[in-house]
């Protein structure tokens, strides 16, 4: 995965929530554009409800896709 793909999702207007699927099976939901920070080799995902963050290495991101509405 490359950083530009994720940046493109974050820049969409209107913003649409999306998920990051990791190679280890983890799934991270991005529900607001300010809840992800894209760096050169990683993405930091922030979970405001828990006040925690997760670092995702770009080489371990399998896919990025729109979050399906329930």
PDB file of N, CA and C in Angstrom:
ATOM      1  N   UNK A   1       0.863  -1.175   0.000  1.00  0.00           N
ATOM      2  CA  UNK A   1       0.000   0.000   0.000  1.00  0.00           C
ATOM      3  C   UNK A   1       0.901   1.226   0.000  1.00  0.00           C
ATOM      4  N   UNK A   2       0.425   2.276  -0.670  1.00  0.00           N
ATOM      5  CA  UNK A   2       1.208   3.510  -0.642  1.00  0.00           C
ATOM      6  C   UNK A   2       0.447   4.613   0.096  1.00  0.00           C
ATOM      7  N   UNK A   3       1.189   5.572   0.586  1.00  0.00           N
ATOM      8  CA  UNK A   3       0.618   6.648   1.390  1.00  0.00           C
ATOM      9  C   UNK A   3      -0.395   7.475   0.609  1.00  0.00           C
ATOM     10  N   UNK A   4      -0.166   7.678  -0.676  1.00  0.00           N
ATOM     11  CA  UNK A   4      -1.062   8.519  -1.482  1.00  0.00           C
ATOM     12  C   UNK A   4      -2.474   7.946  -1.561  1.00  0.00           C
ATOM     13  N   UNK A   5      -2.599   6.643  -1.618  1.00  0.00           N
ATOM     14  CA  UNK A   5      -3.928   6.022  -1.665  1.00  0.00           C
ATOM     15  C   UNK A   5      -4.728   6.389  -0.421  1.00  0.00           C
ATOM     16  N   UNK A   6      -4.091   6.294   0.725  1.00  0.00           N
ATOM     17  CA  UNK A   6      -4.786   6.614   1.972  1.00  0.00           C
ATOM     18  C   UNK A   6      -5.063   8.112   2.060  1.00  0.00           C
ATOM     19  N   UNK A   7      -4.123   8.933   1.634  1.00  0.00           N
ATOM     20  CA  UNK A   7      -4.349  10.383   1.616  1.00  0.00           C
ATOM     21  C   UNK A   7      -5.531  10.738   0.725  1.00  0.00           C
ATOM     22  N   UNK A   8      -5.674  10.043  -0.396  1.00  0.00           N
ATOM     23  CA  UNK A   8      -6.812  10.285  -1.288  1.00  0.00           C
ATOM     24  C   UNK A   8      -8.130  10.014  -0.576  1.00  0.00           C
ATOM     25  N   UNK A   9      -8.199   8.928   0.192  1.00  0.00           N
ATOM     26  CA  UNK A   9      -9.412   8.628   0.964  1.00  0.00           C
ATOM     27  C   UNK A   9      -9.680   9.733   1.984  1.00  0.00           C
ATOM     28  N   UNK A  10      -8.650  10.227   2.629  1.00  0.00           N
ATOM     29  CA  UNK A  10      -8.821  11.263   3.652  1.00  0.00           C
ATOM     30  C   UNK A  10      -9.245  12.605   3.065  1.00  0.00           C
ATOM     31  N   UNK A  11      -8.895  12.868   1.818  1.00  0.00           N
ATOM     32  CA  UNK A  11      -9.207  14.154   1.165  1.00  0.00           C
ATOM     33  C   UNK A  11     -10.566  14.180   0.470  1.00  0.00           C
ATOM     34  N   UNK A  12     -11.226  13.060   0.378  1.00  0.00           N
ATOM     35  CA  UNK A  12     -12.503  13.026  -0.350  1.00  0.00           C
ATOM     36  C   UNK A  12     -13.496  13.995   0.260  1.00  0.00           C
ATOM     37  N   UNK A  13     -14.242  14.650  -0.629  1.00  0.00           N
ATOM     38  CA  UNK A  13     -15.298  15.567  -0.194  1.00  0.00           C
ATOM     39  C   UNK A  13     -16.579  15.224  -0.917  1.00  0.00           C
ATOM     40  N   UNK A  14     -17.620  14.893  -0.190  1.00  0.00           N
ATOM     41  CA  UNK A  14     -17.613  14.786   1.266  1.00  0.00           C
ATOM     42  C   UNK A  14     -16.821  13.554   1.716  1.00  0.00           C
ATOM     43  N   UNK A  15     -16.308  13.633   2.922  1.00  0.00           N
ATOM     44  CA  UNK A  15     -15.538  12.521   3.473  1.00  0.00           C
ATOM     45  C   UNK A  15     -16.430  11.299   3.634  1.00  0.00           C
ATOM     46  N   UNK A  16     -15.906  10.143   3.278  1.00  0.00           N
ATOM     47  CA  UNK A  16     -16.606   8.870   3.463  1.00  0.00           C
ATOM     48  C   UNK A  16     -15.753   7.981   4.356  1.00  0.00           C
ATOM     49  N   UNK A  17     -16.322   7.491   5.464  1.00  0.00           N
ATOM     50  CA  UNK A  17     -15.562   6.600   6.340  1.00  0.00           C
ATOM     51  C   UNK A  17     -15.026   5.392   5.563  1.00  0.00           C
ATOM     52  N   UNK A  18     -13.868   4.901   5.987  1.00  0.00           N
ATOM     53  CA  UNK A  18     -13.259   3.754   5.315  1.00  0.00           C
ATOM     54  C   UNK A  18     -12.547   2.869   6.324  1.00  0.00           C
ATOM     55  N   UNK A  19     -12.145   1.699   5.871  1.00  0.00           N
ATOM     56  CA  UNK A  19     -11.428   0.760   6.728  1.00  0.00           C
ATOM     57  C   UNK A  19     -10.062   0.454   6.136  1.00  0.00           C
ATOM     58  N   UNK A  20      -9.138   0.196   7.023  1.00  0.00           N
ATOM     59  CA  UNK A  20      -7.806  -0.272   6.658  1.00  0.00           C
ATOM     60  C   UNK A  20      -7.726  -1.723   7.102  1.00  0.00           C
ATOM     61  N   UNK A  21      -7.438  -2.620   6.171  1.00  0.00           N
ATOM     62  CA  UNK A  21      -7.312  -4.050   6.481  1.00  0.00           C
ATOM     63  C   UNK A  21      -5.830  -4.421   6.493  1.00  0.00           C
ATOM     64  N   UNK A  22      -5.408  -4.987   7.616  1.00  0.00           N
ATOM     65  CA  UNK A  22      -4.005  -5.319   7.818  1.00  0.00           C
ATOM     66  C   UNK A  22      -3.716  -6.781   7.467  1.00  0.00           C
ATOM     67  N   UNK A  23      -2.453  -7.088   7.226  1.00  0.00           N
ATOM     68  CA  UNK A  23      -2.044  -8.448   6.866  1.00  0.00           C
ATOM     69  C   UNK A  23      -2.263  -9.443   8.003  1.00  0.00           C
ATOM     70  N   UNK A  24      -2.333  -8.976   9.252  1.00  0.00           N
ATOM     71  CA  UNK A  24      -2.563  -9.877  10.384  1.00  0.00           C
ATOM     72  C   UNK A  24      -4.041 -10.056  10.703  1.00  0.00           C
ATOM     73  N   UNK A  25      -4.919  -9.489   9.867  1.00  0.00           N
ATOM     74  CA  UNK A  25      -6.357  -9.629  10.057  1.00  0.00           C
ATOM     75  C   UNK A  25      -7.016  -8.468  10.787  1.00  0.00           C
ATOM     76  N   UNK A  26      -6.234  -7.585  11.372  1.00  0.00           N
ATOM     77  CA  UNK A  26      -6.815  -6.424  12.050  1.00  0.00           C
ATOM     78  C   UNK A  26      -7.518  -5.527  11.040  1.00  0.00           C
ATOM     79  N   UNK A  27      -8.591  -4.885  11.507  1.00  0.00           N
ATOM     80  CA  UNK A  27      -9.336  -3.931  10.686  1.00  0.00           C
ATOM     81  C   UNK A  27      -9.461  -2.645  11.495  1.00  0.00           C
ATOM     82  N   UNK A  28      -9.081  -1.532  10.895  1.00  0.00           N
ATOM     83  CA  UNK A  28      -9.146  -0.236  11.564  1.00  0.00           C
ATOM     84  C   UNK A  28     -10.098   0.675  10.801  1.00  0.00           C
ATOM     85  N   UNK A  29     -11.111   1.177  11.511  1.00  0.00           N
ATOM     86  CA  UNK A  29     -12.103   2.061  10.907  1.00  0.00           C
ATOM     87  C   UNK A  29     -11.667   3.515  11.058  1.00  0.00           C
ATOM     88  N   UNK A  30     -11.741   4.241   9.954  1.00  0.00           N
ATOM     89  CA  UNK A  30     -11.454   5.674   9.955  1.00  0.00           C
ATOM     90  C   UNK A  30     -12.788   6.371   9.712  1.00  0.00           C
ATOM     91  N   UNK A  31     -13.349   6.954  10.769  1.00  0.00           N
ATOM     92  CA  UNK A  31     -14.671   7.567  10.676  1.00  0.00           C
ATOM     93  C   UNK A  31     -14.629   9.084  10.525  1.00  0.00           C
ATOM     94  N   UNK A  32     -13.436   9.668  10.648  1.00  0.00           N
ATOM     95  CA  UNK A  32     -13.277  11.116  10.499  1.00  0.00           C
ATOM     96  C   UNK A  32     -11.879  11.371   9.943  1.00  0.00           C
ATOM     97  N   UNK A  33     -11.727  12.335   9.033  1.00  0.00           N
ATOM     98  CA  UNK A  33     -10.411  12.551   8.418  1.00  0.00           C
ATOM     99  C   UNK A  33      -9.316  12.964   9.401  1.00  0.00           C
ATOM    100  N   UNK A  34      -9.691  13.497  10.550  1.00  0.00           N
ATOM    101  CA  UNK A  34      -8.683  13.885  11.539  1.00  0.00           C
ATOM    102  C   UNK A  34      -8.260  12.723  12.433  1.00  0.00           C
ATOM    103  N   UNK A  35      -8.807  11.548  12.177  1.00  0.00           N
ATOM    104  CA  UNK A  35      -8.475  10.375  12.993  1.00  0.00           C
ATOM    105  C   UNK A  35      -7.417   9.490  12.343  1.00  0.00           C
ATOM    106  N   UNK A  36      -6.769   9.985  11.311  1.00  0.00           N
ATOM    107  CA  UNK A  36      -5.666   9.248  10.689  1.00  0.00           C
ATOM    108  C   UNK A  36      -4.605  10.248  10.256  1.00  0.00           C
ATOM    109  N   UNK A  37      -3.369   9.888  10.506  1.00  0.00           N
ATOM    110  CA  UNK A  37      -2.235  10.726  10.119  1.00  0.00           C
ATOM    111  C   UNK A  37      -1.307   9.865   9.282  1.00  0.00           C
ATOM    112  N   UNK A  38      -1.110  10.252   8.027  1.00  0.00           N
ATOM    113  CA  UNK A  38      -0.314   9.460   7.091  1.00  0.00           C
ATOM    114  C   UNK A  38       1.116   9.978   7.078  1.00  0.00           C
ATOM    115  N   UNK A  39       2.030   9.061   7.314  1.00  0.00           N
ATOM    116  CA  UNK A  39       3.457   9.378   7.284  1.00  0.00           C
ATOM    117  C   UNK A  39       4.081   8.646   6.099  1.00  0.00           C
ATOM    118  N   UNK A  40       5.381   8.747   5.961  1.00  0.00           N
ATOM    119  CA  UNK A  40       6.073   8.151   4.819  1.00  0.00           C
ATOM    120  C   UNK A  40       5.945   6.626   4.779  1.00  0.00           C
ATOM    121  N   UNK A  41       6.040   5.968   5.930  1.00  0.00           N
ATOM    122  CA  UNK A  41       6.023   4.500   5.959  1.00  0.00           C
ATOM    123  C   UNK A  41       4.952   3.922   6.861  1.00  0.00           C
ATOM    124  N   UNK A  42       4.115   4.780   7.445  1.00  0.00           N
ATOM    125  CA  UNK A  42       3.092   4.274   8.364  1.00  0.00           C
ATOM    126  C   UNK A  42       1.901   5.215   8.433  1.00  0.00           C
ATOM    127  N   UNK A  43       0.836   4.689   9.009  1.00  0.00           N
ATOM    128  CA  UNK A  43      -0.372   5.476   9.261  1.00  0.00           C
ATOM    129  C   UNK A  43      -0.672   5.354  10.748  1.00  0.00           C
ATOM    130  N   UNK A  44      -0.925   6.484  11.376  1.00  0.00           N
ATOM    131  CA  UNK A  44      -1.334   6.459  12.774  1.00  0.00           C
ATOM    132  C   UNK A  44      -2.840   6.667  12.803  1.00  0.00           C
ATOM    133  N   UNK A  45      -3.545   5.701  13.381  1.00  0.00           N
ATOM    134  CA  UNK A  45      -5.000   5.749  13.491  1.00  0.00           C
ATOM    135  C   UNK A  45      -5.339   6.118  14.931  1.00  0.00           C
ATOM    136  N   UNK A  46      -6.171   7.136  15.094  1.00  0.00           N
ATOM    137  CA  UNK A  46      -6.559   7.606  16.423  1.00  0.00           C
ATOM    138  C   UNK A  46      -7.999   7.216  16.698  1.00  0.00           C
ATOM    139  N   UNK A  47      -8.230   6.659  17.888  1.00  0.00           N
ATOM    140  CA  UNK A  47      -9.565   6.296  18.341  1.00  0.00           C
ATOM    141  C   UNK A  47      -9.953   7.244  19.475  1.00  0.00           C
ATOM    142  N   UNK A  48     -10.724   8.299  19.174  1.00  0.00           N
ATOM    143  CA  UNK A  48     -11.027   9.319  20.186  1.00  0.00           C
ATOM    144  C   UNK A  48     -11.852   8.803  21.364  1.00  0.00           C
ATOM    145  N   UNK A  49     -12.719   7.828  21.150  1.00  0.00           N
ATOM    146  CA  UNK A  49     -13.540   7.318  22.254  1.00  0.00           C
ATOM    147  C   UNK A  49     -12.689   6.663  23.336  1.00  0.00           C
ATOM    148  N   UNK A  50     -11.599   6.018  22.922  1.00  0.00           N
ATOM    149  CA  UNK A  50     -10.708   5.329  23.860  1.00  0.00           C
ATOM    150  C   UNK A  50      -9.451   6.131  24.164  1.00  0.00           C
ATOM    151  N   UNK A  51      -9.264   7.245  23.462  1.00  0.00           N
ATOM    152  CA  UNK A  51      -8.050   8.057  23.556  1.00  0.00           C
ATOM    153  C   UNK A  51      -6.801   7.191  23.380  1.00  0.00           C
ATOM    154  N   UNK A  52      -6.815   6.413  22.292  1.00  0.00           N
ATOM    155  CA  UNK A  52      -5.666   5.561  21.986  1.00  0.00           C
ATOM    156  C   UNK A  52      -5.349   5.667  20.505  1.00  0.00           C
ATOM    157  N   UNK A  53      -4.159   5.250  20.157  1.00  0.00           N
ATOM    158  CA  UNK A  53      -3.760   5.255  18.751  1.00  0.00           C
ATOM    159  C   UNK A  53      -3.114   3.924  18.403  1.00  0.00           C
ATOM    160  N   UNK A  54      -3.128   3.619  17.110  1.00  0.00           N
ATOM    161  CA  UNK A  54      -2.527   2.404  16.578  1.00  0.00           C
ATOM    162  C   UNK A  54      -1.653   2.825  15.403  1.00  0.00           C
ATOM    163  N   UNK A  55      -0.466   2.273  15.336  1.00  0.00           N
ATOM    164  CA  UNK A  55       0.431   2.550  14.221  1.00  0.00           C
ATOM    165  C   UNK A  55       0.375   1.389  13.241  1.00  0.00           C
ATOM    166  N   UNK A  56       0.092   1.700  11.982  1.00  0.00           N
ATOM    167  CA  UNK A  56      -0.022   0.692  10.927  1.00  0.00           C
ATOM    168  C   UNK A  56       1.091   0.911   9.905  1.00  0.00           C
ATOM    169  N   UNK A  57       1.981  -0.053   9.774  1.00  0.00           N
ATOM    170  CA  UNK A  57       3.035   0.042   8.761  1.00  0.00           C
ATOM    171  C   UNK A  57       2.405  -0.131   7.383  1.00  0.00           C
ATOM    172  N   UNK A  58       2.751   0.740   6.457  1.00  0.00           N
ATOM    173  CA  UNK A  58       2.170   0.670   5.113  1.00  0.00           C
ATOM    174  C   UNK A  58       2.414  -0.680   4.449  1.00  0.00           C
ATOM    175  N   UNK A  59       3.559  -1.299   4.694  1.00  0.00           N
ATOM    176  CA  UNK A  59       3.849  -2.587   4.044  1.00  0.00           C
ATOM    177  C   UNK A  59       2.941  -3.703   4.545  1.00  0.00           C
ATOM    178  N   UNK A  60       2.253  -3.486   5.681  1.00  0.00           N
ATOM    179  CA  UNK A  60       1.350  -4.502   6.219  1.00  0.00           C
ATOM    180  C   UNK A  60      -0.125  -4.193   5.956  1.00  0.00           C
ATOM    181  N   UNK A  61      -0.407  -3.126   5.210  1.00  0.00           N
ATOM    182  CA  UNK A  61      -1.794  -2.801   4.862  1.00  0.00           C
ATOM    183  C   UNK A  61      -2.147  -3.546   3.582  1.00  0.00           C
ATOM    184  N   UNK A  62      -3.134  -4.443   3.697  1.00  0.00           N
ATOM    185  CA  UNK A  62      -3.574  -5.227   2.535  1.00  0.00           C
ATOM    186  C   UNK A  62      -4.519  -4.452   1.640  1.00  0.00           C
ATOM    187  N   UNK A  63      -5.442  -3.694   2.256  1.00  0.00           N
ATOM    188  CA  UNK A  63      -6.416  -2.967   1.446  1.00  0.00           C
ATOM    189  C   UNK A  63      -7.003  -1.808   2.233  1.00  0.00           C
ATOM    190  N   UNK A  64      -7.572  -0.888   1.477  1.00  0.00           N
ATOM    191  CA  UNK A  64      -8.312   0.241   2.024  1.00  0.00           C
ATOM    192  C   UNK A  64      -9.610   0.279   1.242  1.00  0.00           C
ATOM    193  N   UNK A  65     -10.733   0.302   1.953  1.00  0.00           N
ATOM    194  CA  UNK A  65     -12.026   0.277   1.256  1.00  0.00           C
ATOM    195  C   UNK A  65     -13.069   1.058   2.031  1.00  0.00           C
ATOM    196  N   UNK A  66     -14.079   1.502   1.330  1.00  0.00           N
ATOM    197  CA  UNK A  66     -15.158   2.270   1.949  1.00  0.00           C
ATOM    198  C   UNK A  66     -15.821   1.442   3.040  1.00  0.00           C
ATOM    199  N   UNK A  67     -16.190   2.104   4.122  1.00  0.00           N
ATOM    200  CA  UNK A  67     -16.880   1.452   5.230  1.00  0.00           C
ATOM    201  C   UNK A  67     -18.333   1.259   4.835  1.00  0.00           C
ATOM    202  N   UNK A  68     -18.796   0.043   4.892  1.00  0.00           N
ATOM    203  CA  UNK A  68     -20.168  -0.265   4.504  1.00  0.00           C
ATOM    204  C   UNK A  68     -21.136   0.210   5.580  1.00  0.00           C
ATOM    205  N   UNK A  69     -22.172   0.910   5.168  1.00  0.00           N
ATOM    206  CA  UNK A  69     -23.199   1.379   6.104  1.00  0.00           C
ATOM    207  C   UNK A  69     -24.010   0.195   6.595  1.00  0.00           C
ATOM    208  N   UNK A  70     -24.404   0.256   7.867  1.00  0.00           N
ATOM    209  CA  UNK A  70     -25.203  -0.849   8.444  1.00  0.00           C
ATOM    210  C   UNK A  70     -26.667  -0.644   8.190  1.00  0.00           C
TER     211      UNK A  70
END
